[in-house]
Amino acid sequence: GCSENYGDSVKDRFTISRYNAKNTVYLQLNSLKHEKTDVYYCNTRW
């Protein structure tokens, strides 16, 4: 139903959205901090 939830560390910086017609989910990452390397994955929430 497009209700969004965020972890405390990314709240106000990241935005998740979905486009069902394309079976695609996006994650906009803004104000990336800390020099580090992470790997991002998507999957079902549960």
All heavy atoms as atom14 arrays in JSON, in Angstrom:
{
  "sequence": "GCSENYGDSVKDRFTISRYNAKNTVYLQLNSLKHEKTDVYYCNTRW",
  "atom14_mask": [
    [1, 1, 1, 1, 0, 0, 0, 0, 0, 0, 0, 0, 0, 0],
    [1, 1, 1, 1, 1, 1, 0, 0, 0, 0, 0, 0, 0, 0],
    [1, 1, 1, 1, 1, 1, 0, 0, 0, 0, 0, 0, 0, 0],
    [1, 1, 1, 1, 1, 1, 1, 1, 1, 0, 0, 0, 0, 0],
    [1, 1, 1, 1, 1, 1, 1, 1, 0, 0, 0, 0, 0, 0],
    [1, 1, 1, 1, 1, 1, 1, 1, 1, 1, 1, 1, 0, 0],
    [1, 1, 1, 1, 0, 0, 0, 0, 0, 0, 0, 0, 0, 0],
    [1, 1, 1, 1, 1, 1, 1, 1, 0, 0, 0, 0, 0, 0],
    [1, 1, 1, 1, 1, 1, 0, 0, 0, 0, 0, 0, 0, 0],
    [1, 1, 1, 1, 1, 1, 1, 0, 0, 0, 0, 0, 0, 0],
    [1, 1, 1, 1, 1, 1, 1, 1, 1, 0, 0, 0, 0, 0],
    [1, 1, 1, 1, 1, 1, 1, 1, 0, 0, 0, 0, 0, 0],
    [1, 1, 1, 1, 1, 1, 1, 1, 1, 1, 1, 0, 0, 0],
    [1, 1, 1, 1, 1, 1, 1, 1, 1, 1, 1, 0, 0, 0],
    [1, 1, 1, 1, 1, 1, 1, 0, 0, 0, 0, 0, 0, 0],
    [1, 1, 1, 1, 1, 1, 1, 1, 0, 0, 0, 0, 0, 0],
    [1, 1, 1, 1, 1, 1, 0, 0, 0, 0, 0, 0, 0, 0],
    [1, 1, 1, 1, 1, 1, 1, 1, 1, 1, 1, 0, 0, 0],
    [1, 1, 1, 1, 1, 1, 1, 1, 1, 1, 1, 1, 0, 0],
    [1, 1, 1, 1, 1, 1, 1, 1, 0, 0, 0, 0, 0, 0],
    [1, 1, 1, 1, 1, 0, 0, 0, 0, 0, 0, 0, 0, 0],
    [1, 1, 1, 1, 1, 1, 1, 1, 1, 0, 0, 0, 0, 0],
    [1, 1, 1, 1, 1, 1, 1, 1, 0, 0, 0, 0, 0, 0],
    [1, 1, 1, 1, 1, 1, 1, 0, 0, 0, 0, 0, 0, 0],
    [1, 1, 1, 1, 1, 1, 1, 0, 0, 0, 0, 0, 0, 0],
    [1, 1, 1, 1, 1, 1, 1, 1, 1, 1, 1, 1, 0, 0],
    [1, 1, 1, 1, 1, 1, 1, 1, 0, 0, 0, 0, 0, 0],
    [1, 1, 1, 1, 1, 1, 1, 1, 1, 0, 0, 0, 0, 0],
    [1, 1, 1, 1, 1, 1, 1, 1, 0, 0, 0, 0, 0, 0],
    [1, 1, 1, 1, 1, 1, 1, 1, 0, 0, 0, 0, 0, 0],
    [1, 1, 1, 1, 1, 1, 0, 0, 0, 0, 0, 0, 0, 0],
    [1, 1, 1, 1, 1, 1, 1, 1, 0, 0, 0, 0, 0, 0],
    [1, 1, 1, 1, 1, 1, 1, 1, 1, 0, 0, 0, 0, 0],
    [1, 1, 1, 1, 1, 1, 1, 1, 1, 1, 0, 0, 0, 0],
    [1, 1, 1, 1, 1, 1, 1, 1, 1, 0, 0, 0, 0, 0],
    [1, 1, 1, 1, 1, 1, 1, 1, 1, 0, 0, 0, 0, 0],
    [1, 1, 1, 1, 1, 1, 1, 0, 0, 0, 0, 0, 0, 0],
    [1, 1, 1, 1, 1, 1, 1, 1, 0, 0, 0, 0, 0, 0],
    [1, 1, 1, 1, 1, 1, 1, 0, 0, 0, 0, 0, 0, 0],
    [1, 1, 1, 1, 1, 1, 1, 1, 1, 1, 1, 1, 0, 0],
    [1, 1, 1, 1, 1, 1, 1, 1, 1, 1, 1, 1, 0, 0],
    [1, 1, 1, 1, 1, 1, 0, 0, 0, 0, 0, 0, 0, 0],
    [1, 1, 1, 1, 1, 1, 1, 1, 0, 0, 0, 0, 0, 0],
    [1, 1, 1, 1, 1, 1, 1, 0, 0, 0, 0, 0, 0, 0],
    [1, 1, 1, 1, 1, 1, 1, 1, 1, 1, 1, 0, 0, 0],
    [1, 1, 1, 1, 1, 1, 1, 1, 1, 1, 1, 1, 1, 1]
  ],
  "atom14_positions": [
    [[0.8, -1.22, 0.0], [0.0, 0.0, 0.0], [0.82, 1.26, 0.0], [0.31, 2.35, 0.26], [0.0, 0.0, 0.0], [0.0, 0.0, 0.0], [0.0, 0.0, 0.0], [0.0, 0.0, 0.0], [0.0, 0.0, 0.0], [0.0, 0.0, 0.0], [0.0, 0.0, 0.0], [0.0, 0.0, 0.0], [0.0, 0.0, 0.0], [0.0, 0.0, 0.0]],
    [[2.15, 1.11, -0.26], [3.09, 2.24, -0.35], [3.37, 2.93, 0.98], [3.78, 4.09, 1.0], [2.63, 3.27, -1.39], [2.61, 2.6, -3.06], [0.0, 0.0, 0.0], [0.0, 0.0, 0.0], [0.0, 0.0, 0.0], [0.0, 0.0, 0.0], [0.0, 0.0, 0.0], [0.0, 0.0, 0.0], [0.0, 0.0, 0.0], [0.0, 0.0, 0.0]],
    [[3.18, 2.23, 2.07], [3.59, 2.77, 3.36], [5.09, 2.52, 3.52], [5.56, 1.41, 3.33], [2.81, 2.06, 4.47], [3.24, 2.48, 5.73], [0.0, 0.0, 0.0], [0.0, 0.0, 0.0], [0.0, 0.0, 0.0], [0.0, 0.0, 0.0], [0.0, 0.0, 0.0], [0.0, 0.0, 0.0], [0.0, 0.0, 0.0], [0.0, 0.0, 0.0]],
    [[5.82, 3.58, 3.88], [7.27, 3.5, 3.94], [7.76, 3.44, 5.38], [7.2, 4.09, 6.27], [7.88, 4.73, 3.27], [7.47, 4.92, 1.82], [7.77, 6.31, 1.29], [8.7, 6.95, 1.81], [7.07, 6.75, 0.36], [0.0, 0.0, 0.0], [0.0, 0.0, 0.0], [0.0, 0.0, 0.0], [0.0, 0.0, 0.0], [0.0, 0.0, 0.0]],
    [[8.82, 2.68, 5.59], [9.48, 2.64, 6.89], [10.98, 2.71, 6.7], [11.51, 2.14, 5.73], [9.12, 1.35, 7.64], [7.74, 1.44, 8.27], [7.56, 2.08, 9.3], [6.76, 0.84, 7.64], [0.0, 0.0, 0.0], [0.0, 0.0, 0.0], [0.0, 0.0, 0.0], [0.0, 0.0, 0.0], [0.0, 0.0, 0.0], [0.0, 0.0, 0.0]],
    [[11.65, 3.39, 7.62], [13.09, 3.59, 7.51], [13.78, 3.3, 8.83], [13.22, 3.53, 9.91], [13.39, 5.04, 7.11], [12.8, 5.43, 5.78], [11.55, 6.03, 5.69], [13.49, 5.17, 4.6], [11.0, 6.37, 4.46], [12.96, 5.5, 3.37], [11.71, 6.1, 3.31], [11.17, 6.43, 2.09], [0.0, 0.0, 0.0], [0.0, 0.0, 0.0]],
    [[15.01, 2.84, 8.71], [15.83, 2.7, 9.89], [16.25, 4.09, 10.37], [16.33, 5.04, 9.58], [0.0, 0.0, 0.0], [0.0, 0.0, 0.0], [0.0, 0.0, 0.0], [0.0, 0.0, 0.0], [0.0, 0.0, 0.0], [0.0, 0.0, 0.0], [0.0, 0.0, 0.0], [0.0, 0.0, 0.0], [0.0, 0.0, 0.0], [0.0, 0.0, 0.0]],
    [[16.55, 4.18, 11.64], [16.9, 5.48, 12.22], [18.12, 6.1, 11.55], [18.21, 7.32, 11.42], [17.17, 5.32, 13.73], [15.89, 5.06, 14.5], [14.79, 5.36, 13.99], [15.98, 4.53, 15.63], [0.0, 0.0, 0.0], [0.0, 0.0, 0.0], [0.0, 0.0, 0.0], [0.0, 0.0, 0.0], [0.0, 0.0, 0.0], [0.0, 0.0, 0.0]],
    [[19.05, 5.28, 11.12], [20.3, 5.82, 10.57], [20.12, 6.44, 9.19], [20.98, 7.19, 8.73], [21.36, 4.72, 10.52], [20.95, 3.7, 9.63], [0.0, 0.0, 0.0], [0.0, 0.0, 0.0], [0.0, 0.0, 0.0], [0.0, 0.0, 0.0], [0.0, 0.0, 0.0], [0.0, 0.0, 0.0], [0.0, 0.0, 0.0], [0.0, 0.0, 0.0]],
    [[19.01, 6.14, 8.52], [18.83, 6.65, 7.16], [17.61, 7.54, 7.02], [17.38, 8.12, 5.96], [18.72, 5.49, 6.14], [19.92, 4.56, 6.26], [17.41, 4.73, 6.27], [0.0, 0.0, 0.0], [0.0, 0.0, 0.0], [0.0, 0.0, 0.0], [0.0, 0.0, 0.0], [0.0, 0.0, 0.0], [0.0, 0.0, 0.0], [0.0, 0.0, 0.0]],
    [[16.86, 7.65, 8.09], [15.65, 8.47, 8.04], [16.02, 9.89, 7.61], [17.01, 10.45, 8.06], [15.02, 8.48, 9.44], [13.53, 8.69, 9.46], [12.97, 8.44, 10.85], [12.96, 6.96, 11.17], [12.29, 6.68, 12.47], [0.0, 0.0, 0.0], [0.0, 0.0, 0.0], [0.0, 0.0, 0.0], [0.0, 0.0, 0.0], [0.0, 0.0, 0.0]],
    [[15.23, 10.5, 6.76], [15.43, 11.86, 6.25], [16.54, 11.96, 5.21], [16.81, 13.04, 4.68], [15.73, 12.86, 7.37], [14.58, 12.95, 8.36], [13.42, 12.82, 7.93], [14.85, 13.13, 9.56], [0.0, 0.0, 0.0], [0.0, 0.0, 0.0], [0.0, 0.0, 0.0], [0.0, 0.0, 0.0], [0.0, 0.0, 0.0], [0.0, 0.0, 0.0]],
    [[17.21, 10.84, 4.92], [18.25, 10.87, 3.88], [17.92, 9.94, 2.73], [18.28, 10.2, 1.58], [19.61, 10.49, 4.47], [20.13, 11.46, 5.52], [21.58, 11.15, 5.9], [21.73, 9.82, 6.47], [22.5, 8.87, 5.94], [23.17, 9.1, 4.83], [22.6, 7.69, 6.52], [0.0, 0.0, 0.0], [0.0, 0.0, 0.0], [0.0, 0.0, 0.0]],
    [[17.27, 8.82, 3.02], [16.95, 7.84, 1.99], [15.44, 7.86, 1.72], [14.65, 8.12, 2.63], [17.34, 6.43, 2.43], [18.82, 6.17, 2.52], [19.75, 7.19, 2.35], [19.28, 4.89, 2.78], [21.11, 6.95, 2.43], [20.64, 4.63, 2.86], [21.56, 5.65, 2.69], [0.0, 0.0, 0.0], [0.0, 0.0, 0.0], [0.0, 0.0, 0.0]],
    [[15.07, 7.55, 0.48], [13.66, 7.45, 0.12], [13.43, 6.2, -0.7], [14.11, 5.98, -1.71], [13.2, 8.68, -0.69], [13.45, 9.87, 0.06], [11.71, 8.59, -0.99], [0.0, 0.0, 0.0], [0.0, 0.0, 0.0], [0.0, 0.0, 0.0], [0.0, 0.0, 0.0], [0.0, 0.0, 0.0], [0.0, 0.0, 0.0], [0.0, 0.0, 0.0]],
    [[12.49, 5.38, -0.26], [12.15, 4.16, -0.99], [10.85, 4.41, -1.77], [9.97, 5.15, -1.32], [11.99, 2.96, -0.02], [11.88, 1.65, -0.78], [10.8, 3.15, 0.92], [11.97, 0.41, 0.1], [0.0, 0.0, 0.0], [0.0, 0.0, 0.0], [0.0, 0.0, 0.0], [0.0, 0.0, 0.0], [0.0, 0.0, 0.0], [0.0, 0.0, 0.0]],
    [[10.78, 3.83, -2.95], [9.56, 3.96, -3.75], [9.4, 2.71, -4.59], [10.34, 1.93, -4.76], [9.62, 5.21, -4.63], [10.73, 5.16, -5.51], [0.0, 0.0, 0.0], [0.0, 0.0, 0.0], [0.0, 0.0, 0.0], [0.0, 0.0, 0.0], [0.0, 0.0, 0.0], [0.0, 0.0, 0.0], [0.0, 0.0, 0.0], [0.0, 0.0, 0.0]],
    [[8.21, 2.52, -5.12], [7.95, 1.33, -5.91], [7.16, 1.68, -7.17], [6.38, 2.63, -7.18], [7.21, 0.29, -5.07], [5.84, 0.73, -4.59], [5.29, -0.27, -3.55], [5.04, -1.57, -4.16], [5.07, -2.72, -3.48], [5.34, -2.72, -2.18], [4.81, -3.85, -4.09], [0.0, 0.0, 0.0], [0.0, 0.0, 0.0], [0.0, 0.0, 0.0]],
    [[7.38, 0.9, -8.2], [6.68, 1.07, -9.47], [6.2, -0.33, -9.85], [6.9, -1.08, -10.53], [7.61, 1.67, -10.49], [6.96, 2.09, -11.8], [7.72, 2.71, -12.79], [5.63, 1.86, -12.06], [7.16, 3.09, -13.99], [5.05, 2.23, -13.25], [5.82, 2.86, -14.22], [5.25, 3.25, -15.41], [0.0, 0.0, 0.0], [0.0, 0.0, 0.0]],
    [[5.0, -0.68, -9.41], [4.51, -2.03, -9.58], [4.44, -2.47, -11.04], [4.7, -3.64, -11.36], [3.13, -2.18, -8.93], [3.2, -2.14, -7.42], [4.27, -2.27, -6.82], [2.06, -1.94, -6.79], [0.0, 0.0, 0.0], [0.0, 0.0, 0.0], [0.0, 0.0, 0.0], [0.0, 0.0, 0.0], [0.0, 0.0, 0.0], [0.0, 0.0, 0.0]],
    [[4.08, -1.58, -11.92], [3.94, -1.94, -13.34], [5.25, -2.45, -13.93], [5.25, -3.21, -14.9], [3.42, -0.75, -14.13], [0.0, 0.0, 0.0], [0.0, 0.0, 0.0], [0.0, 0.0, 0.0], [0.0, 0.0, 0.0], [0.0, 0.0, 0.0], [0.0, 0.0, 0.0], [0.0, 0.0, 0.0], [0.0, 0.0, 0.0], [0.0, 0.0, 0.0]],
    [[6.36, -2.0, -13.33], [7.68, -2.46, -13.81], [8.32, -3.44, -12.83], [9.49, -3.79, -13.01], [8.61, -1.27, -14.02], [8.23, -0.39, -15.19], [9.34, 0.61, -15.52], [9.03, 1.37, -16.8], [10.12, 2.28, -17.16], [0.0, 0.0, 0.0], [0.0, 0.0, 0.0], [0.0, 0.0, 0.0], [0.0, 0.0, 0.0], [0.0, 0.0, 0.0]],
    [[7.58, -3.84, -11.81], [8.12, -4.74, -10.78], [9.47, -4.24, -10.27], [10.44, -5.01, -10.13], [8.26, -6.17, -11.31], [6.91, -6.8, -11.59], [5.95, -6.6, -10.84], [6.82, -7.55, -12.68], [0.0, 0.0, 0.0], [0.0, 0.0, 0.0], [0.0, 0.0, 0.0], [0.0, 0.0, 0.0], [0.0, 0.0, 0.0], [0.0, 0.0, 0.0]],
    [[9.52, -2.96, -10.01], [10.78, -2.33, -9.62], [10.59, -1.51, -8.35], [9.57, -0.84, -8.17], [11.29, -1.41, -10.75], [11.49, -2.2, -11.92], [12.61, -0.77, -10.38], [0.0, 0.0, 0.0], [0.0, 0.0, 0.0], [0.0, 0.0, 0.0], [0.0, 0.0, 0.0], [0.0, 0.0, 0.0], [0.0, 0.0, 0.0], [0.0, 0.0, 0.0]],
    [[11.59, -1.58, -7.49], [11.63, -0.79, -6.27], [12.91, 0.03, -6.29], [13.97, -0.48, -6.67], [11.58, -1.69, -5.03], [11.61, -0.85, -3.75], [10.33, -2.55, -5.04], [0.0, 0.0, 0.0], [0.0, 0.0, 0.0], [0.0, 0.0, 0.0], [0.0, 0.0, 0.0], [0.0, 0.0, 0.0], [0.0, 0.0, 0.0], [0.0, 0.0, 0.0]],
    [[12.8, 1.27, -5.89], [13.94, 2.19, -5.93], [14.35, 2.59, -4.52], [13.54, 2.57, -3.59], [13.58, 3.45, -6.71], [13.13, 3.19, -8.11], [11.77, 3.14, -8.43], [14.06, 2.98, -9.14], [11.34, 2.9, -9.72], [13.63, 2.73, -10.44], [12.28, 2.69, -10.72], [11.86, 2.44, -12.0], [0.0, 0.0, 0.0], [0.0, 0.0, 0.0]],
    [[15.59, 2.97, -4.38], [16.07, 3.56, -3.13], [16.94, 4.75, -3.49], [17.99, 4.6, -4.11], [16.86, 2.56, -2.29], [17.26, 3.07, -0.91], [16.01, 3.25, -0.03], [18.24, 2.11, -0.23], [0.0, 0.0, 0.0], [0.0, 0.0, 0.0], [0.0, 0.0, 0.0], [0.0, 0.0, 0.0], [0.0, 0.0, 0.0], [0.0, 0.0, 0.0]],
    [[16.45, 5.94, -3.15], [17.22, 7.16, -3.35], [18.07, 7.4, -2.12], [17.55, 7.52, -1.01], [16.27, 8.34, -3.58], [16.95, 9.68, -3.76], [17.74, 9.78, -5.06], [17.3, 9.29, -6.1], [18.89, 10.41, -5.0], [0.0, 0.0, 0.0], [0.0, 0.0, 0.0], [0.0, 0.0, 0.0], [0.0, 0.0, 0.0], [0.0, 0.0, 0.0]],
    [[19.36, 7.46, -2.33], [20.3, 7.68, -1.24], [20.84, 9.11, -1.35], [21.46, 9.46, -2.34], [21.48, 6.72, -1.32], [21.3, 5.26, -0.96], [20.32, 4.56, -1.88], [22.63, 4.53, -0.98], [0.0, 0.0, 0.0], [0.0, 0.0, 0.0], [0.0, 0.0, 0.0], [0.0, 0.0, 0.0], [0.0, 0.0, 0.0], [0.0, 0.0, 0.0]],
    [[20.59, 9.92, -0.36], [21.08, 11.3, -0.32], [21.97, 11.49, 0.89], [21.9, 10.75, 1.87], [19.92, 12.29, -0.26], [19.07, 12.27, -1.51], [19.55, 12.02, -2.62], [17.78, 12.52, -1.35], [0.0, 0.0, 0.0], [0.0, 0.0, 0.0], [0.0, 0.0, 0.0], [0.0, 0.0, 0.0], [0.0, 0.0, 0.0], [0.0, 0.0, 0.0]],
    [[22.81, 12.53, 0.82], [23.68, 12.89, 1.95], [24.44, 11.68, 2.47], [24.47, 11.42, 3.68], [22.84, 13.51, 3.08], [22.12, 14.63, 2.62], [0.0, 0.0, 0.0], [0.0, 0.0, 0.0], [0.0, 0.0, 0.0], [0.0, 0.0, 0.0], [0.0, 0.0, 0.0], [0.0, 0.0, 0.0], [0.0, 0.0, 0.0], [0.0, 0.0, 0.0]],
    [[25.05, 10.95, 1.57], [25.81, 9.78, 1.99], [27.0, 10.23, 2.82], [27.76, 11.11, 2.43], [26.27, 8.99, 0.77], [25.14, 8.21, 0.09], [25.53, 7.79, -1.31], [24.78, 6.99, 0.92], [0.0, 0.0, 0.0], [0.0, 0.0, 0.0], [0.0, 0.0, 0.0], [0.0, 0.0, 0.0], [0.0, 0.0, 0.0], [0.0, 0.0, 0.0]],
    [[27.13, 9.59, 3.99], [28.16, 10.03, 4.93], [29.32, 9.05, 4.92], [29.38, 8.22, 4.08], [27.59, 10.02, 6.34], [26.26, 10.67, 6.52], [25.85, 10.48, 7.98], [24.5, 11.07, 8.28], [24.11, 10.86, 9.67], [0.0, 0.0, 0.0], [0.0, 0.0, 0.0], [0.0, 0.0, 0.0], [0.0, 0.0, 0.0], [0.0, 0.0, 0.0]],
    [[30.15, 9.09, 5.86], [31.15, 8.11, 6.22], [31.79, 7.4, 5.06], [31.12, 6.71, 4.29], [30.56, 7.05, 7.15], [29.79, 7.63, 8.3], [30.31, 8.57, 9.12], [28.55, 7.4, 8.73], [29.42, 8.9, 10.03], [28.33, 8.2, 9.83], [0.0, 0.0, 0.0], [0.0, 0.0, 0.0], [0.0, 0.0, 0.0], [0.0, 0.0, 0.0]],
    [[33.03, 7.55, 4.94], [33.77, 6.86, 3.89], [33.76, 5.36, 4.19], [34.44, 4.91, 5.1], [35.19, 7.4, 3.79], [35.21, 8.89, 3.5], [36.41, 9.29, 2.65], [37.25, 8.44, 2.36], [36.49, 10.47, 2.29], [0.0, 0.0, 0.0], [0.0, 0.0, 0.0], [0.0, 0.0, 0.0], [0.0, 0.0, 0.0], [0.0, 0.0, 0.0]],
    [[33.0, 4.64, 3.41], [32.87, 3.21, 3.6], [32.28, 2.61, 2.35], [31.81, 3.32, 1.48], [31.96, 2.91, 4.8], [30.58, 3.54, 4.69], [29.76, 3.37, 5.96], [29.28, 1.96, 6.09], [28.22, 1.76, 7.09], [0.0, 0.0, 0.0], [0.0, 0.0, 0.0], [0.0, 0.0, 0.0], [0.0, 0.0, 0.0], [0.0, 0.0, 0.0]],
    [[32.27, 1.28, 2.3], [31.67, 0.55, 1.18], [30.66, -0.43, 1.72], [30.98, -1.24, 2.6], [32.75, -0.2, 0.38], [33.67, 0.76, -0.17], [32.12, -0.98, -0.75], [0.0, 0.0, 0.0], [0.0, 0.0, 0.0], [0.0, 0.0, 0.0], [0.0, 0.0, 0.0], [0.0, 0.0, 0.0], [0.0, 0.0, 0.0], [0.0, 0.0, 0.0]],
    [[29.46, -0.32, 1.21], [28.38, -1.23, 1.6], [27.82, -1.89, 0.35], [27.92, -1.34, -0.74], [27.24, -0.46, 2.28], [27.65, 0.15, 3.6], [28.37, -0.52, 4.36], [27.27, 1.3, 3.86], [0.0, 0.0, 0.0], [0.0, 0.0, 0.0], [0.0, 0.0, 0.0], [0.0, 0.0, 0.0], [0.0, 0.0, 0.0], [0.0, 0.0, 0.0]],
    [[27.21, -3.02, 0.54], [26.47, -3.67, -0.54], [24.99, -3.62, -0.19], [24.61, -3.97, 0.94], [26.93, -5.13, -0.74], [26.15, -5.75, -1.9], [28.42, -5.18, -1.02], [0.0, 0.0, 0.0], [0.0, 0.0, 0.0], [0.0, 0.0, 0.0], [0.0, 0.0, 0.0], [0.0, 0.0, 0.0], [0.0, 0.0, 0.0], [0.0, 0.0, 0.0]],
    [[24.21, -3.14, -1.14], [22.77, -3.03, -0.93], [22.04, -4.13, -1.69], [22.34, -4.41, -2.85], [22.27, -1.65, -1.41], [22.64, -0.54, -0.46], [23.91, 0.0, -0.46], [21.7, -0.05, 0.45], [24.26, 1.02, 0.42], [22.03, 0.97, 1.33], [23.3, 1.49, 1.31], [23.63, 2.49, 2.2], [0.0, 0.0, 0.0], [0.0, 0.0, 0.0]],
    [[21.09, -4.72, -1.0], [20.27, -5.79, -1.56], [18.8, -5.44, -1.39], [18.43, -4.71, -0.47], [20.5, -7.1, -0.79], [21.92, -7.61, -0.77], [22.82, -7.17, 0.2], [22.35, -8.56, -1.68], [24.12, -7.65, 0.23], [23.65, -9.06, -1.65], [24.52, -8.59, -0.69], [25.81, -9.08, -0.65], [0.0, 0.0, 0.0], [0.0, 0.0, 0.0]],
    [[17.99, -6.0, -2.24], [16.55, -5.92, -2.0], [16.01, -7.34, -1.86], [16.61, -8.31, -2.34], [15.83, -5.16, -3.1], [15.9, -5.95, -4.7], [0.0, 0.0, 0.0], [0.0, 0.0, 0.0], [0.0, 0.0, 0.0], [0.0, 0.0, 0.0], [0.0, 0.0, 0.0], [0.0, 0.0, 0.0], [0.0, 0.0, 0.0], [0.0, 0.0, 0.0]],
    [[14.91, -7.43, -1.18], [14.26, -8.72, -0.97], [12.88, -8.44, -0.39], [12.53, -7.29, -0.11], [15.08, -9.58, 0.0], [14.89, -11.06, -0.21], [13.77, -11.55, -0.28], [15.98, -11.79, -0.35], [0.0, 0.0, 0.0], [0.0, 0.0, 0.0], [0.0, 0.0, 0.0], [0.0, 0.0, 0.0], [0.0, 0.0, 0.0], [0.0, 0.0, 0.0]],
    [[12.12, -9.47, -0.18], [10.84, -9.29, 0.49], [11.09, -8.75, 1.89], [12.15, -9.01, 2.49], [10.1, -10.62, 0.58], [10.98, -11.6, 1.14], [9.65, -11.09, -0.79], [0.0, 0.0, 0.0], [0.0, 0.0, 0.0], [0.0, 0.0, 0.0], [0.0, 0.0, 0.0], [0.0, 0.0, 0.0], [0.0, 0.0, 0.0], [0.0, 0.0, 0.0]],
    [[10.16, -8.01, 2.42], [10.31, -7.46, 3.77], [10.24, -8.58, 4.8], [10.92, -8.54, 5.83], [9.22, -6.42, 4.02], [9.11, -5.93, 5.48], [10.36, -5.28, 5.95], [10.27, -4.85, 7.34], [10.63, -5.61, 8.37], [11.09, -6.84, 8.18], [10.53, -5.14, 9.59], [0.0, 0.0, 0.0], [0.0, 0.0, 0.0], [0.0, 0.0, 0.0]],
    [[9.41, -9.54, 4.56], [9.24, -10.67, 5.48], [9.57, -11.97, 4.73], [9.44, -12.02, 3.52], [7.79, -10.74, 5.98], [7.27, -9.44, 6.48], [6.41, -8.6, 5.83], [7.6, -8.79, 7.73], [6.17, -7.48, 6.6], [6.89, -7.57, 7.77], [8.41, -9.13, 8.81], [6.97, -6.69, 8.86], [8.48, -8.27, 9.88], [7.78, -7.06, 9.89]]
  ]
}
